[in-house]
Amino acid sequence: MAKAGPAMAALPRSVVAPAGRHTASLIFLHGSGDTGQGARAWIKQLLNQDMAFQHIKVIYPTAPARPYTPMNGALSTVWFDRYKISNDCPEHTETIESMCHGLTDLINDEIKSGITKNRILVGGFSMGGGMAMHLAYRFHRDVAGVFALSSFLNKESAVYQALNRNEGDLPELFQCHGTADELIPYSWGEETNKMLKSLGVPASLHTFPNLDHELSRTEIEKLKTWIVEKLPIEVAKSNE
């Protein structure tokens, strides 16, 4: 379990409330340089409406601004730093660990509101999907599932090291990647998927021909279907 670590200011968040009774939560982590509000607006533009559900609260947090090495140290809203955008270099473990603590606080907020961990999904786009894999497979293996859109893990990722020591069930991974992605090559996503499968993660990889480093309506519709499969509506129990 990730401890609620050193005090970190609560992450700003944009929230789409459920239309009915709140019985599950979804945490969507944006890509590097974006915001929660920006990710929400992007999906809304693709769907012509918010990604919304009868019973699921959708939370789009915003990463703190920090110096980002691939941008020559300029401030950017990123979940963690990278030495470079490559799958063949060390991970910036200190910033990843720090953000796992901050996002654990967000998960704990949902638990305090009455949502059990197995009714919480975590995922995101690009860096957000990578962050979600660290969060779930290292610290919160009892979440309902994980999704990663146009994302990857480094070849020597701490996620792989943690799963090497794993005994027990792991949350399912729903992964999507475009074959025309020029920032995060499809092969990086494919390699991540194969490695996680070899370590016991029940993982699917949905391929989108000609899709660059972006989201598509078809992809989000497919994701929505999977979300409802993992977080079905709970029938209210009778008092009789």
C-alpha atoms as a PDB file:
ATOM      1  CA  MET A   1       0.000   0.000   0.000  1.00  0.00           C
ATOM      2  CA  ALA A   2       1.220   3.483  -0.813  1.00  0.00           C
ATOM      3  CA  LYS A   3       1.351   5.591   2.276  1.00  0.00           C
ATOM      4  CA  ALA A   4      -0.150   9.035   2.100  1.00  0.00           C
ATOM      5  CA  GLY A   5       3.294  10.511   1.828  1.00  0.00           C
ATOM      6  CA  PRO A   6       4.845  13.889   2.400  1.00  0.00           C
ATOM      7  CA  ALA A   7       2.228  16.605   2.440  1.00  0.00           C
ATOM      8  CA  MET A   8       1.287  17.553  -1.078  1.00  0.00           C
ATOM      9  CA  ALA A   9      -1.342  20.157  -1.895  1.00  0.00           C
ATOM     10  CA  ALA A  10      -4.593  18.534  -3.013  1.00  0.00           C
ATOM     11  CA  LEU A  11      -4.586  18.123  -6.778  1.00  0.00           C
ATOM     12  CA  PRO A  12      -6.989  20.440  -8.623  1.00  0.00           C
ATOM     13  CA  ARG A  13      -9.642  18.387 -10.364  1.00  0.00           C
ATOM     14  CA  SER A  14     -12.446  18.690 -12.884  1.00  0.00           C
ATOM     15  CA  VAL A  15     -15.352  16.373 -12.043  1.00  0.00           C
ATOM     16  CA  VAL A  16     -18.227  14.954 -14.095  1.00  0.00           C
ATOM     17  CA  ALA A  17     -20.846  13.904 -11.543  1.00  0.00           C
ATOM     18  CA  PRO A  18     -22.918  10.761 -12.113  1.00  0.00           C
ATOM     19  CA  ALA A  19     -26.501  11.285 -13.264  1.00  0.00           C
ATOM     20  CA  GLY A  20     -27.789   8.977 -10.526  1.00  0.00           C
ATOM     21  CA  ARG A  21     -26.513   7.347  -7.329  1.00  0.00           C
ATOM     22  CA  HIS A  22     -22.695   7.460  -7.055  1.00  0.00           C
ATOM     23  CA  THR A  23     -21.390   3.896  -6.620  1.00  0.00           C
ATOM     24  CA  ALA A  24     -18.066   3.964  -8.518  1.00  0.00           C
ATOM     25  CA  SER A  25     -15.297   6.375  -9.520  1.00  0.00           C
ATOM     26  CA  LEU A  26     -12.980   6.794 -12.504  1.00  0.00           C
ATOM     27  CA  ILE A  27      -9.705   8.741 -12.337  1.00  0.00           C
ATOM     28  CA  PHE A  28      -8.459   9.960 -15.745  1.00  0.00           C
ATOM     29  CA  LEU A  29      -4.876  11.279 -15.829  1.00  0.00           C
ATOM     30  CA  HIS A  30      -4.008  13.752 -18.592  1.00  0.00           C
ATOM     31  CA  GLY A  31      -0.920  13.705 -20.811  1.00  0.00           C
ATOM     32  CA  SER A  32       2.188  15.839 -20.241  1.00  0.00           C
ATOM     33  CA  GLY A  33       1.609  19.586 -20.355  1.00  0.00           C
ATOM     34  CA  ASP A  34      -2.182  19.251 -20.279  1.00  0.00           C
ATOM     35  CA  THR A  35      -4.664  19.760 -17.412  1.00  0.00           C
ATOM     36  CA  GLY A  36      -7.621  17.826 -16.060  1.00  0.00           C
ATOM     37  CA  GLN A  37      -9.937  20.399 -17.590  1.00  0.00           C
ATOM     38  CA  GLY A  38      -8.091  20.099 -20.912  1.00  0.00           C
ATOM     39  CA  ALA A  39      -8.408  16.294 -21.006  1.00  0.00           C
ATOM     40  CA  ARG A  40     -12.105  16.538 -20.157  1.00  0.00           C
ATOM     41  CA  ALA A  41     -12.663  19.115 -22.923  1.00  0.00           C
ATOM     42  CA  TRP A  42     -10.773  16.979 -25.478  1.00  0.00           C
ATOM     43  CA  ILE A  43     -12.957  13.947 -24.759  1.00  0.00           C
ATOM     44  CA  LYS A  44     -16.079  16.133 -24.777  1.00  0.00           C
ATOM     45  CA  GLN A  45     -15.106  17.431 -28.223  1.00  0.00           C
ATOM     46  CA  LEU A  46     -14.691  13.859 -29.542  1.00  0.00           C
ATOM     47  CA  LEU A  47     -17.986  12.596 -28.085  1.00  0.00           C
ATOM     48  CA  ASN A  48     -19.948  15.848 -28.502  1.00  0.00           C
ATOM     49  CA  GLN A  49     -20.724  15.486 -24.803  1.00  0.00           C
ATOM     50  CA  ASP A  50     -18.937  14.727 -21.529  1.00  0.00           C
ATOM     51  CA  MET A  51     -17.872  11.152 -20.887  1.00  0.00           C
ATOM     52  CA  ALA A  52     -20.589  10.617 -18.294  1.00  0.00           C
ATOM     53  CA  PHE A  53     -22.293   7.687 -16.605  1.00  0.00           C
ATOM     54  CA  GLN A  54     -25.380   6.988 -14.528  1.00  0.00           C
ATOM     55  CA  HIS A  55     -23.408   5.800 -11.485  1.00  0.00           C
ATOM     56  CA  ILE A  56     -19.710   6.641 -12.052  1.00  0.00           C
ATOM     57  CA  LYS A  57     -18.049   9.886 -10.996  1.00  0.00           C
ATOM     58  CA  VAL A  58     -15.347  10.857 -13.524  1.00  0.00           C
ATOM     59  CA  ILE A  59     -12.411  12.759 -11.995  1.00  0.00           C
ATOM     60  CA  TYR A  60      -9.824  14.598 -14.097  1.00  0.00           C
ATOM     61  CA  PRO A  61      -7.022  15.785 -11.759  1.00  0.00           C
ATOM     62  CA  THR A  62      -4.311  18.223 -12.858  1.00  0.00           C
ATOM     63  CA  ALA A  63      -0.630  17.460 -12.256  1.00  0.00           C
ATOM     64  CA  PRO A  64       1.466  20.065 -10.414  1.00  0.00           C
ATOM     65  CA  ALA A  65       3.789  22.189 -12.567  1.00  0.00           C
ATOM     66  CA  ARG A  66       7.382  20.990 -12.239  1.00  0.00           C
ATOM     67  CA  PRO A  67      10.620  21.424 -14.205  1.00  0.00           C
ATOM     68  CA  TYR A  68      10.495  18.930 -17.092  1.00  0.00           C
ATOM     69  CA  THR A  69      13.847  17.738 -18.411  1.00  0.00           C
ATOM     70  CA  PRO A  70      12.709  16.965 -22.016  1.00  0.00           C
ATOM     71  CA  MET A  71      11.682  20.659 -22.218  1.00  0.00           C
ATOM     72  CA  ASN A  72      15.107  21.842 -20.980  1.00  0.00           C
ATOM     73  CA  GLY A  73      13.797  22.242 -17.434  1.00  0.00           C
ATOM     74  CA  ALA A  74      10.841  24.487 -18.309  1.00  0.00           C
ATOM     75  CA  LEU A  75       7.847  24.192 -15.982  1.00  0.00           C
ATOM     76  CA  SER A  76       5.152  21.828 -17.221  1.00  0.00           C
ATOM     77  CA  THR A  77       2.133  20.060 -15.733  1.00  0.00           C
ATOM     78  CA  VAL A  78       3.578  16.546 -15.727  1.00  0.00           C
ATOM     79  CA  TRP A  79       2.965  13.611 -13.390  1.00  0.00           C
ATOM     80  CA  PHE A  80       6.709  12.916 -13.178  1.00  0.00           C
ATOM     81  CA  ASP A  81       9.968  13.938 -14.795  1.00  0.00           C
ATOM     82  CA  ARG A  82      11.759  11.951 -17.495  1.00  0.00           C
ATOM     83  CA  TYR A  83      15.450  11.990 -18.335  1.00  0.00           C
ATOM     84  CA  LYS A  84      14.295  11.821 -21.951  1.00  0.00           C
ATOM     85  CA  ILE A  85      11.322  10.511 -23.931  1.00  0.00           C
ATOM     86  CA  SER A  86      12.665   7.006 -24.432  1.00  0.00           C
ATOM     87  CA  ASN A  87      11.780   3.506 -23.275  1.00  0.00           C
ATOM     88  CA  ASP A  88      15.464   2.657 -22.923  1.00  0.00           C
ATOM     89  CA  CYS A  89      16.637   4.912 -20.096  1.00  0.00           C
ATOM     90  CA  PRO A  90      16.189   4.877 -16.294  1.00  0.00           C
ATOM     91  CA  GLU A  91      12.917   6.092 -14.801  1.00  0.00           C
ATOM     92  CA  HIS A  92      12.889   9.280 -12.728  1.00  0.00           C
ATOM     93  CA  THR A  93      11.915   7.284  -9.651  1.00  0.00           C
ATOM     94  CA  GLU A  94      11.838  10.133  -7.132  1.00  0.00           C
ATOM     95  CA  THR A  95       9.152  12.121  -8.952  1.00  0.00           C
ATOM     96  CA  ILE A  96       7.147   8.978  -9.769  1.00  0.00           C
ATOM     97  CA  GLU A  97       7.103   7.935  -6.095  1.00  0.00           C
ATOM     98  CA  SER A  98       6.096  11.418  -4.990  1.00  0.00           C
ATOM     99  CA  MET A  99       3.133  11.501  -7.363  1.00  0.00           C
ATOM    100  CA  CYS A 100       2.031   7.994  -6.364  1.00  0.00           C
ATOM    101  CA  HIS A 101       1.587   9.450  -2.875  1.00  0.00           C
ATOM    102  CA  GLY A 102      -0.373  12.441  -4.175  1.00  0.00           C
ATOM    103  CA  LEU A 103      -2.682  10.233  -6.230  1.00  0.00           C
ATOM    104  CA  THR A 104      -3.110   7.845  -3.295  1.00  0.00           C
ATOM    105  CA  ASP A 105      -4.592  10.815  -1.437  1.00  0.00           C
ATOM    106  CA  LEU A 106      -7.089  11.210  -4.285  1.00  0.00           C
ATOM    107  CA  ILE A 107      -8.035   7.514  -4.132  1.00  0.00           C
ATOM    108  CA  ASN A 108      -8.421   7.807  -0.362  1.00  0.00           C
ATOM    109  CA  ASP A 109     -10.781  10.769  -0.829  1.00  0.00           C
ATOM    110  CA  GLU A 110     -13.075   8.502  -2.853  1.00  0.00           C
ATOM    111  CA  ILE A 111     -12.848   5.722  -0.257  1.00  0.00           C
ATOM    112  CA  LYS A 112     -13.789   8.215   2.476  1.00  0.00           C
ATOM    113  CA  SER A 113     -16.867   9.134   0.449  1.00  0.00           C
ATOM    114  CA  GLY A 114     -18.002   5.496   0.581  1.00  0.00           C
ATOM    115  CA  ILE A 115     -16.576   4.023  -2.650  1.00  0.00           C
ATOM    116  CA  THR A 116     -14.666   0.755  -2.188  1.00  0.00           C
ATOM    117  CA  LYS A 117     -11.302   0.351  -3.932  1.00  0.00           C
ATOM    118  CA  ASN A 118     -12.637  -2.388  -6.219  1.00  0.00           C
ATOM    119  CA  ARG A 119     -15.120   0.201  -7.567  1.00  0.00           C
ATOM    120  CA  ILE A 120     -12.363   2.625  -8.648  1.00  0.00           C
ATOM    121  CA  LEU A 121     -10.712   2.621 -12.095  1.00  0.00           C
ATOM    122  CA  VAL A 122      -7.486   4.483 -12.873  1.00  0.00           C
ATOM    123  CA  GLY A 123      -6.004   5.319 -16.242  1.00  0.00           C
ATOM    124  CA  GLY A 124      -5.003   8.033 -18.621  1.00  0.00           C
ATOM    125  CA  PHE A 125      -3.520   9.259 -21.866  1.00  0.00           C
ATOM    126  CA  SER A 126       0.202   9.074 -22.688  1.00  0.00           C
ATOM    127  CA  MET A 127       2.168   9.963 -19.515  1.00  0.00           C
ATOM    128  CA  GLY A 128      -1.124   9.689 -17.594  1.00  0.00           C
ATOM    129  CA  GLY A 129      -1.456   6.037 -18.585  1.00  0.00           C
ATOM    130  CA  GLY A 130       2.134   5.357 -17.515  1.00  0.00           C
ATOM    131  CA  MET A 131       1.435   7.024 -14.176  1.00  0.00           C
ATOM    132  CA  ALA A 132      -1.706   4.907 -13.728  1.00  0.00           C
ATOM    133  CA  MET A 133       0.262   1.695 -14.302  1.00  0.00           C
ATOM    134  CA  HIS A 134       2.759   2.679 -11.595  1.00  0.00           C
ATOM    135  CA  LEU A 135      -0.056   3.633  -9.234  1.00  0.00           C
ATOM    136  CA  ALA A 136      -2.095   0.463  -9.694  1.00  0.00           C
ATOM    137  CA  TYR A 137       0.464  -2.291 -10.207  1.00  0.00           C
ATOM    138  CA  ARG A 138       2.849  -1.097  -7.503  1.00  0.00           C
ATOM    139  CA  PHE A 139       0.536   0.293  -4.825  1.00  0.00           C
ATOM    140  CA  HIS A 140      -3.172  -0.324  -5.519  1.00  0.00           C
ATOM    141  CA  ARG A 141      -3.617  -3.797  -6.963  1.00  0.00           C
ATOM    142  CA  ASP A 142      -7.169  -3.958  -5.625  1.00  0.00           C
ATOM    143  CA  VAL A 143      -8.562  -1.312  -8.003  1.00  0.00           C
ATOM    144  CA  ALA A 144     -11.175  -2.437 -10.532  1.00  0.00           C
ATOM    145  CA  GLY A 145      -8.895  -1.985 -13.529  1.00  0.00           C
ATOM    146  CA  VAL A 146      -6.356   0.166 -15.360  1.00  0.00           C
ATOM    147  CA  PHE A 147      -6.406   1.801 -18.788  1.00  0.00           C
ATOM    148  CA  ALA A 148      -3.489   3.248 -20.752  1.00  0.00           C
ATOM    149  CA  LEU A 149      -4.014   5.147 -24.013  1.00  0.00           C
ATOM    150  CA  SER A 150      -0.883   5.781 -26.144  1.00  0.00           C
ATOM    151  CA  SER A 151       1.325   4.946 -23.144  1.00  0.00           C
ATOM    152  CA  PHE A 152       4.431   2.918 -22.338  1.00  0.00           C
ATOM    153  CA  LEU A 153       6.717   1.789 -19.526  1.00  0.00           C
ATOM    154  CA  ASN A 154      10.522   1.954 -19.635  1.00  0.00           C
ATOM    155  CA  LYS A 155      12.313  -1.342 -20.258  1.00  0.00           C
ATOM    156  CA  GLU A 156      13.599  -1.570 -16.675  1.00  0.00           C
ATOM    157  CA  SER A 157      10.445  -0.115 -15.112  1.00  0.00           C
ATOM    158  CA  ALA A 158       9.860  -0.333 -11.367  1.00  0.00           C
ATOM    159  CA  VAL A 159       6.432  -1.716 -12.331  1.00  0.00           C
ATOM    160  CA  TYR A 160       8.057  -4.827 -13.800  1.00  0.00           C
ATOM    161  CA  GLN A 161      10.290  -5.212 -10.759  1.00  0.00           C
ATOM    162  CA  ALA A 162       7.280  -4.996  -8.427  1.00  0.00           C
ATOM    163  CA  LEU A 163       5.295  -7.532 -10.466  1.00  0.00           C
ATOM    164  CA  ASN A 164       8.230  -9.958 -10.412  1.00  0.00           C
ATOM    165  CA  ARG A 165       7.596 -10.234  -6.668  1.00  0.00           C
ATOM    166  CA  ASN A 166       3.833 -10.479  -7.055  1.00  0.00           C
ATOM    167  CA  GLU A 167       1.617 -13.202  -5.707  1.00  0.00           C
ATOM    168  CA  GLY A 168      -2.110 -12.781  -6.159  1.00  0.00           C
ATOM    169  CA  ASP A 169      -4.650 -11.273  -8.512  1.00  0.00           C
ATOM    170  CA  LEU A 170      -3.881  -8.210 -10.588  1.00  0.00           C
ATOM    171  CA  PRO A 171      -6.257  -5.660 -12.103  1.00  0.00           C
ATOM    172  CA  GLU A 172      -7.030  -5.948 -15.806  1.00  0.00           C
ATOM    173  CA  LEU A 173      -5.272  -3.566 -18.219  1.00  0.00           C
ATOM    174  CA  PHE A 174      -7.119  -2.007 -21.182  1.00  0.00           C
ATOM    175  CA  GLN A 175      -4.491  -0.579 -23.519  1.00  0.00           C
ATOM    176  CA  CYS A 176      -4.928   1.357 -26.784  1.00  0.00           C
ATOM    177  CA  HIS A 177      -2.290   2.621 -29.207  1.00  0.00           C
ATOM    178  CA  GLY A 178      -2.206   4.130 -32.686  1.00  0.00           C
ATOM    179  CA  THR A 179       0.085   2.607 -35.306  1.00  0.00           C
ATOM    180  CA  ALA A 180       1.039   6.078 -36.622  1.00  0.00           C
ATOM    181  CA  ASP A 181       2.125   7.445 -33.227  1.00  0.00           C
ATOM    182  CA  GLU A 182       5.341   9.390 -33.816  1.00  0.00           C
ATOM    183  CA  LEU A 183       5.930  10.502 -30.203  1.00  0.00           C
ATOM    184  CA  ILE A 184       5.378   7.169 -28.422  1.00  0.00           C
ATOM    185  CA  PRO A 185       5.913   4.489 -31.093  1.00  0.00           C
ATOM    186  CA  TYR A 186       3.370   1.677 -31.268  1.00  0.00           C
ATOM    187  CA  SER A 187       6.187  -0.824 -30.644  1.00  0.00           C
ATOM    188  CA  TRP A 188       6.786   0.713 -27.181  1.00  0.00           C
ATOM    189  CA  GLY A 189       3.155   0.148 -26.239  1.00  0.00           C
ATOM    190  CA  GLU A 190       3.220  -3.365 -27.678  1.00  0.00           C
ATOM    191  CA  GLU A 191       6.398  -4.226 -25.752  1.00  0.00           C
ATOM    192  CA  THR A 192       4.827  -2.887 -22.524  1.00  0.00           C
ATOM    193  CA  ASN A 193       1.733  -5.032 -23.105  1.00  0.00           C
ATOM    194  CA  LYS A 194       3.766  -8.194 -23.737  1.00  0.00           C
ATOM    195  CA  MET A 195       5.934  -7.626 -20.675  1.00  0.00           C
ATOM    196  CA  LEU A 196       2.956  -7.032 -18.384  1.00  0.00           C
ATOM    197  CA  LYS A 197       1.213 -10.141 -19.723  1.00  0.00           C
ATOM    198  CA  SER A 198       4.345 -12.209 -19.069  1.00  0.00           C
ATOM    199  CA  LEU A 199       4.226 -10.993 -15.447  1.00  0.00           C
ATOM    200  CA  GLY A 200       0.628 -12.099 -14.938  1.00  0.00           C
ATOM    201  CA  VAL A 201      -1.377  -8.988 -15.831  1.00  0.00           C
ATOM    202  CA  PRO A 202      -4.598  -9.769 -17.726  1.00  0.00           C
ATOM    203  CA  ALA A 203      -4.001  -7.255 -20.524  1.00  0.00           C
ATOM    204  CA  SER A 204      -5.584  -6.384 -23.860  1.00  0.00           C
ATOM    205  CA  LEU A 205      -4.079  -4.161 -26.565  1.00  0.00           C
ATOM    206  CA  HIS A 206      -6.425  -2.411 -28.993  1.00  0.00           C
ATOM    207  CA  THR A 207      -4.666  -1.232 -32.147  1.00  0.00           C
ATOM    208  CA  PHE A 208      -5.836   1.850 -34.048  1.00  0.00           C
ATOM    209  CA  PRO A 209      -4.445   1.987 -37.614  1.00  0.00           C
ATOM    210  CA  ASN A 210      -3.240   5.418 -38.787  1.00  0.00           C
ATOM    211  CA  LEU A 211      -3.871   7.043 -35.390  1.00  0.00           C
ATOM    212  CA  ASP A 212      -1.083   9.412 -34.313  1.00  0.00           C
ATOM    213  CA  HIS A 213      -0.392  10.448 -30.687  1.00  0.00           C
ATOM    214  CA  GLU A 214      -4.000  11.382 -30.005  1.00  0.00           C
ATOM    215  CA  LEU A 215      -7.390  10.096 -28.918  1.00  0.00           C
ATOM    216  CA  SER A 216     -10.183   9.070 -31.277  1.00  0.00           C
ATOM    217  CA  ARG A 217     -13.937   8.840 -30.846  1.00  0.00           C
ATOM    218  CA  THR A 218     -13.903   5.103 -31.633  1.00  0.00           C
ATOM    219  CA  GLU A 219     -11.243   4.566 -28.974  1.00  0.00           C
ATOM    220  CA  ILE A 220     -13.183   6.472 -26.302  1.00  0.00           C
ATOM    221  CA  GLU A 221     -16.418   4.630 -27.158  1.00  0.00           C
ATOM    222  CA  LYS A 222     -14.569   1.312 -26.792  1.00  0.00           C
ATOM    223  CA  LEU A 223     -13.092   2.515 -23.490  1.00  0.00           C
ATOM    224  CA  LYS A 224     -16.554   3.513 -22.216  1.00  0.00           C
ATOM    225  CA  THR A 225     -17.883   0.017 -22.943  1.00  0.00           C
ATOM    226  CA  TRP A 226     -14.995  -1.523 -20.989  1.00  0.00           C
ATOM    227  CA  ILE A 227     -15.491   0.922 -18.094  1.00  0.00           C
ATOM    228  CA  VAL A 228     -19.105  -0.171 -17.650  1.00  0.00           C
ATOM    229  CA  GLU A 229     -18.060  -3.838 -17.840  1.00  0.00           C
ATOM    230  CA  LYS A 230     -15.573  -3.276 -15.003  1.00  0.00           C
ATOM    231  CA  LEU A 231     -17.871  -0.964 -12.999  1.00  0.00           C
ATOM    232  CA  PRO A 232     -21.412  -2.217 -13.599  1.00  0.00           C
ATOM    233  CA  ILE A 233     -24.401  -0.485 -12.037  1.00  0.00           C
ATOM    234  CA  GLU A 234     -25.036  -1.957  -8.586  1.00  0.00           C
ATOM    235  CA  VAL A 235     -28.626  -2.924  -7.945  1.00  0.00           C
ATOM    236  CA  ALA A 236     -29.817  -1.256  -4.739  1.00  0.00           C
ATOM    237  CA  LYS A 237     -30.339  -3.883  -2.044  1.00  0.00           C
ATOM    238  CA  SER A 238     -33.833  -4.293  -0.652  1.00  0.00           C
ATOM    239  CA  ASN A 239     -34.329  -3.850   3.091  1.00  0.00           C
ATOM    240  CA  GLU A 240     -36.739  -6.759   3.240  1.00  0.00           C
END
